[in-house]
Amino acid sequence: MTLIGGLPAHPLLVHAVVVLVPLVSAGLILCALWPAARRHLLWPVVVLAAAALVLTPLTAETGEQLAGALGDTPLIEAHEELGETMTLVVALLFAATALLAGAHMLRGRGDGGGRRALTVVAAVLAVVAAVGATVQTVRVGESGAEAVWTGRVPPATAD
């Protein structure tokens, strides 16, 4: 099992993905819908999306190692199944980011109608990918939290 500072790497890497994916998603939506933001924020969003693309499979790999060390339970298995989708989801998020960046670069070379249409299509795909990636991140994170904390913390009672 991979350790960082004596701790399992998975929970540490998870926090990077849980921050990066919604951050990239918010930045990508902003860039897709607001041309002024696109001019200033698109390249930092591309870099963050690339970081998420690298960290997500590492997170999944360390999660498999941790699951092997802990033993499978139904909650861990459910989390693993959802987590397996994250690499693809983040790859699609990165692809949408790259497509928007490409459309932005082409748009700067002229005002052709085809370039404008490409920018609109890229913006729509970017918003869909961003929303989907954020939703899936929440789903995977919730299942992981449930796997960790179910049975360890007493349920809240209504007063």
N, C-alpha and C. Protein backbone atom coordinates (compact mmCIF):
# COMPACT_ATOMS: atom_id res chain seq x y z
N MET A 1 0.86 -1.17 0.00
CA MET A 1 0.00 0.00 0.00
C MET A 1 0.90 1.24 0.00
N THR A 2 0.56 2.20 -0.84
CA THR A 2 1.34 3.43 -0.94
C THR A 2 1.04 4.32 0.26
N LEU A 3 2.11 4.79 0.90
CA LEU A 3 1.98 5.67 2.07
C LEU A 3 2.62 7.01 1.77
N ILE A 4 2.05 8.05 2.34
CA ILE A 4 2.62 9.40 2.29
C ILE A 4 2.72 9.86 3.73
N GLY A 5 3.93 10.05 4.21
CA GLY A 5 4.11 10.46 5.60
C GLY A 5 3.53 9.48 6.58
N GLY A 6 3.55 8.19 6.23
CA GLY A 6 3.03 7.16 7.12
C GLY A 6 1.52 6.96 7.02
N LEU A 7 0.84 7.75 6.21
CA LEU A 7 -0.61 7.63 6.04
C LEU A 7 -0.91 7.02 4.68
N PRO A 8 -2.02 6.28 4.57
CA PRO A 8 -2.41 5.77 3.25
C PRO A 8 -2.57 6.94 2.27
N ALA A 9 -2.05 6.77 1.07
CA ALA A 9 -2.06 7.85 0.07
C ALA A 9 -3.48 8.19 -0.40
N HIS A 10 -4.36 7.20 -0.43
CA HIS A 10 -5.69 7.43 -1.01
C HIS A 10 -6.45 8.60 -0.38
N PRO A 11 -6.62 8.64 0.94
CA PRO A 11 -7.38 9.76 1.49
C PRO A 11 -6.72 11.11 1.24
N LEU A 12 -5.40 11.14 1.13
CA LEU A 12 -4.72 12.39 0.86
C LEU A 12 -4.93 12.82 -0.60
N LEU A 13 -4.81 11.88 -1.53
CA LEU A 13 -5.02 12.21 -2.94
C LEU A 13 -6.47 12.54 -3.24
N VAL A 14 -7.37 11.88 -2.53
CA VAL A 14 -8.80 12.14 -2.74
C VAL A 14 -9.10 13.63 -2.54
N HIS A 15 -8.49 14.21 -1.54
CA HIS A 15 -8.77 15.62 -1.27
C HIS A 15 -8.33 16.52 -2.42
N ALA A 16 -7.25 16.16 -3.08
CA ALA A 16 -6.82 16.93 -4.25
C ALA A 16 -7.85 16.83 -5.37
N VAL A 17 -8.34 15.63 -5.63
CA VAL A 17 -9.33 15.44 -6.70
C VAL A 17 -10.64 16.12 -6.34
N VAL A 18 -11.04 16.00 -5.08
CA VAL A 18 -12.30 16.60 -4.64
C VAL A 18 -12.27 18.13 -4.74
N VAL A 19 -11.09 18.71 -4.62
CA VAL A 19 -10.96 20.16 -4.78
C VAL A 19 -10.81 20.52 -6.26
N LEU A 20 -9.96 19.79 -6.96
CA LEU A 20 -9.65 20.14 -8.35
C LEU A 20 -10.84 20.01 -9.29
N VAL A 21 -11.58 18.92 -9.22
CA VAL A 21 -12.65 18.70 -10.19
C VAL A 21 -13.72 19.79 -10.10
N PRO A 22 -14.26 20.11 -8.93
CA PRO A 22 -15.23 21.22 -8.89
C PRO A 22 -14.61 22.57 -9.25
N LEU A 23 -13.35 22.78 -8.89
CA LEU A 23 -12.68 24.04 -9.24
C LEU A 23 -12.53 24.17 -10.75
N VAL A 24 -12.07 23.11 -11.40
CA VAL A 24 -11.97 23.10 -12.86
C VAL A 24 -13.36 23.29 -13.47
N SER A 25 -14.34 22.59 -12.93
CA SER A 25 -15.70 22.67 -13.46
C SER A 25 -16.25 24.10 -13.37
N ALA A 26 -16.07 24.73 -12.22
CA ALA A 26 -16.56 26.11 -12.06
C ALA A 26 -15.82 27.05 -13.02
N GLY A 27 -14.51 26.90 -13.12
CA GLY A 27 -13.75 27.74 -14.03
C GLY A 27 -14.13 27.49 -15.47
N LEU A 28 -14.36 26.24 -15.82
CA LEU A 28 -14.73 25.90 -17.20
C LEU A 28 -16.10 26.47 -17.56
N ILE A 29 -17.04 26.37 -16.65
CA ILE A 29 -18.37 26.96 -16.91
C ILE A 29 -18.25 28.47 -17.06
N LEU A 30 -17.49 29.09 -16.21
CA LEU A 30 -17.27 30.54 -16.31
C LEU A 30 -16.65 30.90 -17.66
N CYS A 31 -15.64 30.14 -18.07
CA CYS A 31 -14.98 30.41 -19.36
C CYS A 31 -15.92 30.13 -20.54
N ALA A 32 -16.76 29.13 -20.40
CA ALA A 32 -17.68 28.78 -21.48
C ALA A 32 -18.74 29.85 -21.69
N LEU A 33 -19.19 30.45 -20.60
CA LEU A 33 -20.31 31.37 -20.68
C LEU A 33 -19.92 32.84 -20.74
N TRP A 34 -18.70 33.17 -20.40
CA TRP A 34 -18.30 34.57 -20.30
C TRP A 34 -16.97 34.76 -21.03
N PRO A 35 -17.01 35.35 -22.22
CA PRO A 35 -15.78 35.50 -23.02
C PRO A 35 -14.66 36.25 -22.30
N ALA A 36 -14.98 37.23 -21.48
CA ALA A 36 -13.93 37.96 -20.76
C ALA A 36 -13.20 37.04 -19.78
N ALA A 37 -13.94 36.17 -19.13
CA ALA A 37 -13.32 35.19 -18.22
C ALA A 37 -12.48 34.21 -19.03
N ARG A 38 -12.96 33.83 -20.20
CA ARG A 38 -12.22 32.90 -21.05
C ARG A 38 -10.84 33.46 -21.40
N ARG A 39 -10.78 34.73 -21.70
CA ARG A 39 -9.50 35.35 -22.06
C ARG A 39 -8.50 35.31 -20.91
N HIS A 40 -8.98 35.39 -19.68
CA HIS A 40 -8.08 35.50 -18.53
C HIS A 40 -7.89 34.19 -17.75
N LEU A 41 -8.90 33.33 -17.75
CA LEU A 41 -8.86 32.15 -16.88
C LEU A 41 -8.68 30.83 -17.60
N LEU A 42 -8.82 30.81 -18.91
CA LEU A 42 -8.85 29.53 -19.62
C LEU A 42 -7.57 28.73 -19.44
N TRP A 43 -6.42 29.37 -19.54
CA TRP A 43 -5.17 28.60 -19.45
C TRP A 43 -4.92 28.07 -18.04
N PRO A 44 -5.19 28.82 -16.99
CA PRO A 44 -5.09 28.20 -15.66
C PRO A 44 -6.06 27.02 -15.48
N VAL A 45 -7.25 27.12 -16.07
CA VAL A 45 -8.21 26.01 -15.99
C VAL A 45 -7.67 24.79 -16.74
N VAL A 46 -7.03 25.01 -17.88
CA VAL A 46 -6.43 23.90 -18.63
C VAL A 46 -5.36 23.20 -17.78
N VAL A 47 -4.52 23.99 -17.12
CA VAL A 47 -3.45 23.42 -16.28
C VAL A 47 -4.06 22.62 -15.11
N LEU A 48 -5.07 23.17 -14.47
CA LEU A 48 -5.72 22.46 -13.36
C LEU A 48 -6.42 21.19 -13.84
N ALA A 49 -7.01 21.26 -15.02
CA ALA A 49 -7.66 20.06 -15.59
C ALA A 49 -6.62 18.98 -15.87
N ALA A 50 -5.45 19.38 -16.34
CA ALA A 50 -4.37 18.41 -16.58
C ALA A 50 -3.91 17.79 -15.26
N ALA A 51 -3.82 18.60 -14.23
CA ALA A 51 -3.44 18.07 -12.91
C ALA A 51 -4.47 17.06 -12.42
N ALA A 52 -5.74 17.38 -12.59
CA ALA A 52 -6.80 16.44 -12.19
C ALA A 52 -6.72 15.16 -13.00
N LEU A 53 -6.39 15.29 -14.29
CA LEU A 53 -6.28 14.12 -15.16
C LEU A 53 -5.14 13.19 -14.70
N VAL A 54 -4.07 13.75 -14.18
CA VAL A 54 -2.96 12.95 -13.68
C VAL A 54 -3.28 12.35 -12.31
N LEU A 55 -3.88 13.15 -11.43
CA LEU A 55 -4.12 12.69 -10.06
C LEU A 55 -5.26 11.68 -9.93
N THR A 56 -6.25 11.74 -10.80
CA THR A 56 -7.42 10.87 -10.66
C THR A 56 -7.07 9.39 -10.78
N PRO A 57 -6.33 8.96 -11.80
CA PRO A 57 -5.99 7.53 -11.83
C PRO A 57 -5.06 7.11 -10.69
N LEU A 58 -4.19 8.01 -10.24
CA LEU A 58 -3.35 7.70 -9.08
C LEU A 58 -4.22 7.50 -7.84
N THR A 59 -5.23 8.32 -7.70
CA THR A 59 -6.15 8.20 -6.58
C THR A 59 -6.90 6.88 -6.64
N ALA A 60 -7.35 6.51 -7.83
CA ALA A 60 -8.07 5.24 -7.99
C ALA A 60 -7.15 4.05 -7.68
N GLU A 61 -5.92 4.13 -8.14
CA GLU A 61 -4.97 3.03 -7.88
C GLU A 61 -4.69 2.88 -6.39
N THR A 62 -4.47 4.00 -5.71
CA THR A 62 -4.21 3.91 -4.27
C THR A 62 -5.46 3.48 -3.51
N GLY A 63 -6.62 3.80 -4.05
CA GLY A 63 -7.87 3.34 -3.44
C GLY A 63 -8.01 1.83 -3.53
N GLU A 64 -7.62 1.27 -4.68
CA GLU A 64 -7.65 -0.19 -4.81
C GLU A 64 -6.70 -0.85 -3.82
N GLN A 65 -5.52 -0.24 -3.64
CA GLN A 65 -4.57 -0.77 -2.67
C GLN A 65 -5.14 -0.73 -1.26
N LEU A 66 -5.76 0.39 -0.92
CA LEU A 66 -6.34 0.53 0.41
C LEU A 66 -7.47 -0.46 0.62
N ALA A 67 -8.31 -0.63 -0.39
CA ALA A 67 -9.41 -1.60 -0.27
C ALA A 67 -8.87 -3.01 -0.07
N GLY A 68 -7.78 -3.33 -0.75
CA GLY A 68 -7.16 -4.64 -0.57
C GLY A 68 -6.65 -4.84 0.85
N ALA A 69 -6.13 -3.77 1.44
CA ALA A 69 -5.62 -3.85 2.81
C ALA A 69 -6.75 -3.92 3.83
N LEU A 70 -7.85 -3.23 3.55
CA LEU A 70 -8.98 -3.19 4.50
C LEU A 70 -9.89 -4.39 4.37
N GLY A 71 -9.94 -4.97 3.20
CA GLY A 71 -10.90 -6.04 2.95
C GLY A 71 -12.17 -5.47 2.37
N ASP A 72 -12.80 -6.23 1.51
CA ASP A 72 -14.00 -5.74 0.85
C ASP A 72 -15.22 -5.84 1.75
N THR A 73 -15.98 -4.79 1.73
CA THR A 73 -17.30 -4.75 2.34
C THR A 73 -18.25 -4.27 1.25
N PRO A 74 -19.53 -4.45 1.42
CA PRO A 74 -20.46 -3.96 0.39
C PRO A 74 -20.32 -2.45 0.14
N LEU A 75 -20.07 -1.66 1.20
CA LEU A 75 -19.93 -0.22 1.02
C LEU A 75 -18.64 0.14 0.28
N ILE A 76 -17.56 -0.57 0.58
CA ILE A 76 -16.30 -0.31 -0.13
C ILE A 76 -16.44 -0.74 -1.59
N GLU A 77 -17.08 -1.87 -1.83
CA GLU A 77 -17.29 -2.31 -3.21
C GLU A 77 -18.13 -1.31 -4.00
N ALA A 78 -19.16 -0.77 -3.38
CA ALA A 78 -19.99 0.25 -4.05
C ALA A 78 -19.16 1.49 -4.37
N HIS A 79 -18.32 1.89 -3.43
CA HIS A 79 -17.45 3.05 -3.65
C HIS A 79 -16.45 2.77 -4.78
N GLU A 80 -15.88 1.58 -4.79
CA GLU A 80 -14.94 1.22 -5.85
C GLU A 80 -15.60 1.26 -7.22
N GLU A 81 -16.81 0.73 -7.32
CA GLU A 81 -17.51 0.73 -8.61
C GLU A 81 -17.75 2.15 -9.11
N LEU A 82 -18.18 3.03 -8.22
CA LEU A 82 -18.37 4.42 -8.62
C LEU A 82 -17.04 5.09 -8.93
N GLY A 83 -16.03 4.81 -8.11
CA GLY A 83 -14.72 5.42 -8.29
C GLY A 83 -14.06 5.05 -9.61
N GLU A 84 -14.36 3.86 -10.11
CA GLU A 84 -13.78 3.42 -11.39
C GLU A 84 -14.21 4.33 -12.54
N THR A 85 -15.31 5.04 -12.39
CA THR A 85 -15.78 5.92 -13.46
C THR A 85 -15.04 7.26 -13.48
N MET A 86 -14.39 7.61 -12.40
CA MET A 86 -13.82 8.95 -12.27
C MET A 86 -12.71 9.24 -13.29
N THR A 87 -11.89 8.27 -13.62
CA THR A 87 -10.83 8.53 -14.59
C THR A 87 -11.44 8.91 -15.94
N LEU A 88 -12.46 8.19 -16.36
CA LEU A 88 -13.14 8.53 -17.62
C LEU A 88 -13.81 9.90 -17.53
N VAL A 89 -14.49 10.15 -16.42
CA VAL A 89 -15.20 11.42 -16.24
C VAL A 89 -14.21 12.59 -16.29
N VAL A 90 -13.08 12.46 -15.62
CA VAL A 90 -12.09 13.53 -15.61
C VAL A 90 -11.41 13.66 -16.98
N ALA A 91 -11.24 12.54 -17.68
CA ALA A 91 -10.69 12.61 -19.04
C ALA A 91 -11.65 13.38 -19.95
N LEU A 92 -12.94 13.15 -19.80
CA LEU A 92 -13.93 13.91 -20.59
C LEU A 92 -13.92 15.39 -20.20
N LEU A 93 -13.76 15.66 -18.91
CA LEU A 93 -13.66 17.05 -18.46
C LEU A 93 -12.44 17.73 -19.09
N PHE A 94 -11.31 17.03 -19.09
CA PHE A 94 -10.11 17.58 -19.71
C PHE A 94 -10.32 17.78 -21.21
N ALA A 95 -10.94 16.81 -21.88
CA ALA A 95 -11.19 16.93 -23.32
C ALA A 95 -12.08 18.14 -23.63
N ALA A 96 -13.09 18.35 -22.81
CA ALA A 96 -13.97 19.52 -23.00
C ALA A 96 -13.19 20.81 -22.78
N THR A 97 -12.30 20.81 -21.81
CA THR A 97 -11.46 21.97 -21.55
C THR A 97 -10.54 22.23 -22.73
N ALA A 98 -9.92 21.18 -23.25
CA ALA A 98 -9.03 21.32 -24.40
C ALA A 98 -9.79 21.77 -25.64
N LEU A 99 -11.00 21.27 -25.83
CA LEU A 99 -11.82 21.69 -26.97
C LEU A 99 -12.16 23.17 -26.88
N LEU A 100 -12.54 23.62 -25.70
CA LEU A 100 -12.85 25.04 -25.53
C LEU A 100 -11.60 25.89 -25.77
N ALA A 101 -10.45 25.42 -25.30
CA ALA A 101 -9.20 26.16 -25.51
C ALA A 101 -8.86 26.21 -27.01
N GLY A 102 -9.05 25.09 -27.70
CA GLY A 102 -8.81 25.07 -29.14
C GLY A 102 -9.74 26.00 -29.89
N ALA A 103 -11.01 25.99 -29.53
CA ALA A 103 -11.97 26.89 -30.17
C ALA A 103 -11.61 28.34 -29.88
N HIS A 104 -11.17 28.60 -28.68
CA HIS A 104 -10.77 29.96 -28.31
C HIS A 104 -9.57 30.42 -29.15
N MET A 105 -8.61 29.55 -29.34
CA MET A 105 -7.44 29.90 -30.14
C MET A 105 -7.83 30.13 -31.60
N LEU A 106 -8.70 29.29 -32.14
CA LEU A 106 -9.15 29.48 -33.52
C LEU A 106 -9.96 30.75 -33.68
N ARG A 107 -10.79 31.03 -32.68
CA ARG A 107 -11.64 32.23 -32.74
C ARG A 107 -10.79 33.49 -32.80
N GLY A 108 -9.64 33.47 -32.13
CA GLY A 108 -8.75 34.62 -32.14
C GLY A 108 -8.11 34.86 -33.50
N ARG A 109 -8.19 33.90 -34.40
CA ARG A 109 -7.57 34.03 -35.72
C ARG A 109 -8.53 34.55 -36.77
N GLY A 110 -9.73 34.88 -36.39
CA GLY A 110 -10.69 35.42 -37.35
C GLY A 110 -12.10 35.28 -36.83
N ASP A 111 -13.01 35.92 -37.53
CA ASP A 111 -14.41 35.92 -37.09
C ASP A 111 -15.29 35.10 -38.02
N GLY A 112 -14.80 34.00 -38.50
CA GLY A 112 -15.62 33.16 -39.36
C GLY A 112 -16.78 32.57 -38.60
N GLY A 113 -17.89 32.36 -39.30
CA GLY A 113 -19.08 31.79 -38.68
C GLY A 113 -18.84 30.39 -38.15
N GLY A 114 -18.00 29.62 -38.87
CA GLY A 114 -17.68 28.27 -38.43
C GLY A 114 -16.94 28.27 -37.11
N ARG A 115 -16.07 29.25 -36.95
CA ARG A 115 -15.33 29.35 -35.69
C ARG A 115 -16.25 29.72 -34.54
N ARG A 116 -17.20 30.57 -34.80
CA ARG A 116 -18.17 30.94 -33.76
C ARG A 116 -19.02 29.73 -33.38
N ALA A 117 -19.44 28.97 -34.39
CA ALA A 117 -20.25 27.77 -34.13
C ALA A 117 -19.45 26.76 -33.30
N LEU A 118 -18.17 26.61 -33.64
CA LEU A 118 -17.31 25.69 -32.88
C LEU A 118 -17.21 26.14 -31.43
N THR A 119 -17.09 27.44 -31.21
CA THR A 119 -17.01 27.97 -29.84
C THR A 119 -18.30 27.68 -29.08
N VAL A 120 -19.43 27.84 -29.73
CA VAL A 120 -20.72 27.58 -29.08
C VAL A 120 -20.85 26.10 -28.73
N VAL A 121 -20.50 25.23 -29.67
CA VAL A 121 -20.57 23.79 -29.41
C VAL A 121 -19.60 23.41 -28.28
N ALA A 122 -18.40 23.95 -28.32
CA ALA A 122 -17.42 23.67 -27.27
C ALA A 122 -17.92 24.16 -25.92
N ALA A 123 -18.56 25.32 -25.90
CA ALA A 123 -19.07 25.86 -24.64
C ALA A 123 -20.18 24.98 -24.07
N VAL A 124 -21.07 24.51 -24.93
CA VAL A 124 -22.15 23.63 -24.46
C VAL A 124 -21.58 22.33 -23.91
N LEU A 125 -20.65 21.73 -24.65
CA LEU A 125 -20.02 20.49 -24.18
C LEU A 125 -19.26 20.72 -22.87
N ALA A 126 -18.63 21.87 -22.75
CA ALA A 126 -17.88 22.19 -21.52
C ALA A 126 -18.81 22.25 -20.32
N VAL A 127 -19.95 22.90 -20.48
CA VAL A 127 -20.90 23.01 -19.37
C VAL A 127 -21.43 21.62 -19.00
N VAL A 128 -21.78 20.82 -19.99
CA VAL A 128 -22.29 19.47 -19.71
C VAL A 128 -21.23 18.64 -19.00
N ALA A 129 -19.99 18.68 -19.49
CA ALA A 129 -18.90 17.91 -18.87
C ALA A 129 -18.63 18.39 -17.45
N ALA A 130 -18.66 19.70 -17.24
CA ALA A 130 -18.39 20.26 -15.92
C ALA A 130 -19.45 19.85 -14.91
N VAL A 131 -20.70 19.96 -15.30
CA VAL A 131 -21.78 19.57 -14.39
C VAL A 131 -21.71 18.07 -14.11
N GLY A 132 -21.52 17.27 -15.15
CA GLY A 132 -21.42 15.82 -14.97
C GLY A 132 -20.26 15.41 -14.07
N ALA A 133 -19.11 16.05 -14.27
CA ALA A 133 -17.93 15.71 -13.45
C ALA A 133 -18.16 16.08 -11.99
N THR A 134 -18.79 17.21 -11.76
CA THR A 134 -19.05 17.63 -10.38
C THR A 134 -20.04 16.69 -9.71
N VAL A 135 -21.09 16.34 -10.42
CA VAL A 135 -22.09 15.41 -9.86
C VAL A 135 -21.44 14.06 -9.54
N GLN A 136 -20.62 13.55 -10.45
CA GLN A 136 -20.00 12.25 -10.21
C GLN A 136 -18.99 12.33 -9.06
N THR A 137 -18.29 13.43 -8.94
CA THR A 137 -17.36 13.61 -7.82
C THR A 137 -18.11 13.55 -6.49
N VAL A 138 -19.24 14.20 -6.43
CA VAL A 138 -20.06 14.18 -5.21
C VAL A 138 -20.56 12.76 -4.93
N ARG A 139 -21.02 12.06 -5.96
CA ARG A 139 -21.52 10.70 -5.78
C ARG A 139 -20.43 9.77 -5.25
N VAL A 140 -19.24 9.85 -5.87
CA VAL A 140 -18.14 8.99 -5.45
C VAL A 140 -17.70 9.36 -4.03
N GLY A 141 -17.60 10.65 -3.77
CA GLY A 141 -17.19 11.10 -2.44
C GLY A 141 -18.17 10.70 -1.36
N GLU A 142 -19.44 10.81 -1.66
CA GLU A 142 -20.47 10.41 -0.69
C GLU A 142 -20.39 8.92 -0.40
N SER A 143 -20.18 8.12 -1.43
CA SER A 143 -20.09 6.68 -1.20
C SER A 143 -18.83 6.33 -0.40
N GLY A 144 -17.75 7.06 -0.63
CA GLY A 144 -16.53 6.84 0.15
C GLY A 144 -16.71 7.23 1.60
N ALA A 145 -17.35 8.36 1.83
CA ALA A 145 -17.61 8.79 3.20
C ALA A 145 -18.53 7.79 3.91
N GLU A 146 -19.51 7.30 3.19
CA GLU A 146 -20.41 6.30 3.78
C GLU A 146 -19.63 5.03 4.14
N ALA A 147 -18.72 4.61 3.25
CA ALA A 147 -17.93 3.41 3.51
C ALA A 147 -17.04 3.59 4.74
N VAL A 148 -16.52 4.79 4.93
CA VAL A 148 -15.62 5.05 6.06
C VAL A 148 -16.39 5.22 7.36
N TRP A 149 -17.48 5.96 7.33
CA TRP A 149 -18.10 6.38 8.58
C TRP A 149 -19.32 5.58 9.02
N THR A 150 -19.93 4.80 8.15
CA THR A 150 -21.11 4.02 8.55
C THR A 150 -20.72 3.04 9.65
N GLY A 151 -21.44 3.09 10.74
CA GLY A 151 -21.18 2.22 11.87
C GLY A 151 -20.16 2.77 12.85
N ARG A 152 -19.51 3.88 12.49
CA ARG A 152 -18.49 4.45 13.38
C ARG A 152 -19.00 5.70 14.09
N VAL A 153 -19.99 6.32 13.51
CA VAL A 153 -20.55 7.54 14.09
C VAL A 153 -22.03 7.28 14.32
N PRO A 154 -22.51 7.56 15.51
CA PRO A 154 -23.95 7.31 15.74
C PRO A 154 -24.78 8.23 14.86
N PRO A 155 -25.92 7.72 14.37
CA PRO A 155 -26.78 8.55 13.52
C PRO A 155 -27.31 9.74 14.31
N ALA A 156 -27.51 10.85 13.60
CA ALA A 156 -28.06 12.06 14.23
C ALA A 156 -29.52 11.80 14.57
N THR A 157 -29.92 12.37 15.69
CA THR A 157 -31.32 12.26 16.08
C THR A 157 -31.96 13.62 16.01
N ALA A 158 -33.21 13.64 15.59
CA ALA A 158 -33.95 14.90 15.52
C ALA A 158 -34.42 15.28 16.92
N ASP A 159 -34.26 16.55 17.22
CA ASP A 159 -34.70 17.02 18.54
C ASP A 159 -36.15 17.44 18.50
